[in-house]
Amino acid sequence: MGTLEIVAGAVLILCSIIIILVVLAQDSKDDGLTSAIGGGYNESFYEGNKSRTKDAKLSRFTKIAATLIFIVTLALNVIANLSLE
């Protein structure tokens, strides 16, 4: 196993741990019975500033980490296949 594969594996483990922690830090999106009775439409101050909330930042960070995992996994697979040839 080469150095590049070890570094990529460490990045995958780190990104996986980050995704787990970020997802656990996010609030639940389930409105429960409030959504069923009220129709699920709640207009509030936070709807207008939704991109600046803590949940929006955590969601964006989750997407970035997931994309990084996808790219590193593909690169690691290509590197492993090239080393076998």
C-alpha atoms as a PDB file:
ATOM      1  CA  MET A   1       0.000   0.000   0.000  1.00  0.00           C
ATOM      2  CA  GLY A   2       1.475   3.299  -1.072  1.00  0.00           C
ATOM      3  CA  THR A   3       1.729   6.522   0.840  1.00  0.00           C
ATOM      4  CA  LEU A   4      -0.945   8.160  -1.293  1.00  0.00           C
ATOM      5  CA  GLU A   5      -3.384   5.363  -0.491  1.00  0.00           C
ATOM      6  CA  ILE A   6      -2.714   5.716   3.227  1.00  0.00           C
ATOM      7  CA  VAL A   7      -3.263   9.481   3.109  1.00  0.00           C
ATOM      8  CA  ALA A   8      -6.477   9.050   1.081  1.00  0.00           C
ATOM      9  CA  GLY A   9      -7.717   6.431   3.569  1.00  0.00           C
ATOM     10  CA  ALA A  10      -7.031   8.795   6.459  1.00  0.00           C
ATOM     11  CA  VAL A  11      -8.946  11.572   4.649  1.00  0.00           C
ATOM     12  CA  LEU A  12     -11.886   9.191   4.147  1.00  0.00           C
ATOM     13  CA  ILE A  13     -11.951   8.274   7.827  1.00  0.00           C
ATOM     14  CA  LEU A  14     -11.720  11.927   8.864  1.00  0.00           C
ATOM     15  CA  CYS A  15     -14.535  12.974   6.489  1.00  0.00           C
ATOM     16  CA  SER A  16     -16.701  10.101   7.720  1.00  0.00           C
ATOM     17  CA  ILE A  17     -16.284  11.164  11.327  1.00  0.00           C
ATOM     18  CA  ILE A  18     -17.009  14.785  10.396  1.00  0.00           C
ATOM     19  CA  ILE A  19     -20.214  13.794   8.578  1.00  0.00           C
ATOM     20  CA  ILE A  20     -21.385  11.743  11.564  1.00  0.00           C
ATOM     21  CA  LEU A  21     -20.780  14.614  13.984  1.00  0.00           C
ATOM     22  CA  VAL A  22     -22.369  17.244  11.721  1.00  0.00           C
ATOM     23  CA  VAL A  23     -25.477  15.153  11.090  1.00  0.00           C
ATOM     24  CA  LEU A  24     -25.875  14.538  14.811  1.00  0.00           C
ATOM     25  CA  ALA A  25     -25.584  18.289  15.453  1.00  0.00           C
ATOM     26  CA  GLN A  26     -28.423  19.141  13.047  1.00  0.00           C
ATOM     27  CA  ASP A  27     -31.966  19.633  14.269  1.00  0.00           C
ATOM     28  CA  SER A  28     -34.686  17.219  13.233  1.00  0.00           C
ATOM     29  CA  LYS A  29     -36.714  18.288  10.199  1.00  0.00           C
ATOM     30  CA  ASP A  30     -39.757  16.330  11.362  1.00  0.00           C
ATOM     31  CA  ASP A  31     -42.629  18.681  12.240  1.00  0.00           C
ATOM     32  CA  GLY A  32     -44.827  15.848  13.468  1.00  0.00           C
ATOM     33  CA  LEU A  33     -48.466  16.610  14.241  1.00  0.00           C
ATOM     34  CA  THR A  34     -47.993  20.367  13.780  1.00  0.00           C
ATOM     35  CA  SER A  35     -47.382  19.823  10.085  1.00  0.00           C
ATOM     36  CA  ALA A  36     -50.447  17.626   9.697  1.00  0.00           C
ATOM     37  CA  ILE A  37     -52.806  20.091  11.385  1.00  0.00           C
ATOM     38  CA  GLY A  38     -51.364  23.340  10.084  1.00  0.00           C
ATOM     39  CA  GLY A  39     -50.573  22.115   6.593  1.00  0.00           C
ATOM     40  CA  GLY A  40     -46.831  22.356   7.091  1.00  0.00           C
ATOM     41  CA  TYR A  41     -46.605  26.046   6.197  1.00  0.00           C
ATOM     42  CA  ASN A  42     -45.062  28.161   8.897  1.00  0.00           C
ATOM     43  CA  GLU A  43     -44.022  31.638   7.789  1.00  0.00           C
ATOM     44  CA  SER A  44     -41.519  33.134  10.164  1.00  0.00           C
ATOM     45  CA  PHE A  45     -38.594  35.464  10.348  1.00  0.00           C
ATOM     46  CA  TYR A  46     -36.223  32.552   9.966  1.00  0.00           C
ATOM     47  CA  GLU A  47     -37.638  31.554   6.571  1.00  0.00           C
ATOM     48  CA  GLY A  48     -36.284  34.757   5.028  1.00  0.00           C
ATOM     49  CA  ASN A  49     -32.825  34.242   6.527  1.00  0.00           C
ATOM     50  CA  LYS A  50     -32.718  30.497   6.066  1.00  0.00           C
ATOM     51  CA  SER A  51     -29.289  30.451   4.385  1.00  0.00           C
ATOM     52  CA  ARG A  52     -27.652  32.082   7.427  1.00  0.00           C
ATOM     53  CA  THR A  53     -28.962  29.745  10.097  1.00  0.00           C
ATOM     54  CA  LYS A  54     -26.906  27.142  11.928  1.00  0.00           C
ATOM     55  CA  ASP A  55     -28.798  24.325  10.197  1.00  0.00           C
ATOM     56  CA  ALA A  56     -28.100  25.768   6.751  1.00  0.00           C
ATOM     57  CA  LYS A  57     -24.393  25.985   7.520  1.00  0.00           C
ATOM     58  CA  LEU A  58     -24.340  22.436   8.881  1.00  0.00           C
ATOM     59  CA  SER A  59     -26.236  21.191   5.837  1.00  0.00           C
ATOM     60  CA  ARG A  60     -23.791  22.917   3.491  1.00  0.00           C
ATOM     61  CA  PHE A  61     -20.851  21.451   5.437  1.00  0.00           C
ATOM     62  CA  THR A  62     -22.427  17.976   5.173  1.00  0.00           C
ATOM     63  CA  LYS A  63     -22.748  18.324   1.396  1.00  0.00           C
ATOM     64  CA  ILE A  64     -19.130  19.442   1.072  1.00  0.00           C
ATOM     65  CA  ALA A  65     -17.857  16.545   3.201  1.00  0.00           C
ATOM     66  CA  ALA A  66     -19.988  14.024   1.282  1.00  0.00           C
ATOM     67  CA  THR A  67     -18.689  15.355  -2.034  1.00  0.00           C
ATOM     68  CA  LEU A  68     -15.138  15.114  -0.727  1.00  0.00           C
ATOM     69  CA  ILE A  69     -15.738  11.493   0.312  1.00  0.00           C
ATOM     70  CA  PHE A  70     -17.098  10.718  -3.157  1.00  0.00           C
ATOM     71  CA  ILE A  71     -14.117  12.289  -4.943  1.00  0.00           C
ATOM     72  CA  VAL A  72     -11.488  10.734  -2.661  1.00  0.00           C
ATOM     73  CA  THR A  73     -13.122   7.304  -2.948  1.00  0.00           C
ATOM     74  CA  LEU A  74     -13.085   7.484  -6.746  1.00  0.00           C
ATOM     75  CA  ALA A  75      -9.469   8.679  -6.744  1.00  0.00           C
ATOM     76  CA  LEU A  76      -8.452   5.933  -4.318  1.00  0.00           C
ATOM     77  CA  ASN A  77     -10.124   3.327  -6.514  1.00  0.00           C
ATOM     78  CA  VAL A  78      -8.322   4.601  -9.613  1.00  0.00           C
ATOM     79  CA  ILE A  79      -4.988   4.649  -7.767  1.00  0.00           C
ATOM     80  CA  ALA A  80      -5.528   1.096  -6.493  1.00  0.00           C
ATOM     81  CA  ASN A  81      -6.412  -0.152  -9.987  1.00  0.00           C
ATOM     82  CA  LEU A  82      -3.375   1.541 -11.522  1.00  0.00           C
ATOM     83  CA  SER A  83      -1.080   0.005  -8.934  1.00  0.00           C
ATOM     84  CA  LEU A  84      -2.393  -3.488  -9.759  1.00  0.00           C
ATOM     85  CA  GLU A  85      -1.477  -3.187 -13.425  1.00  0.00           C
END
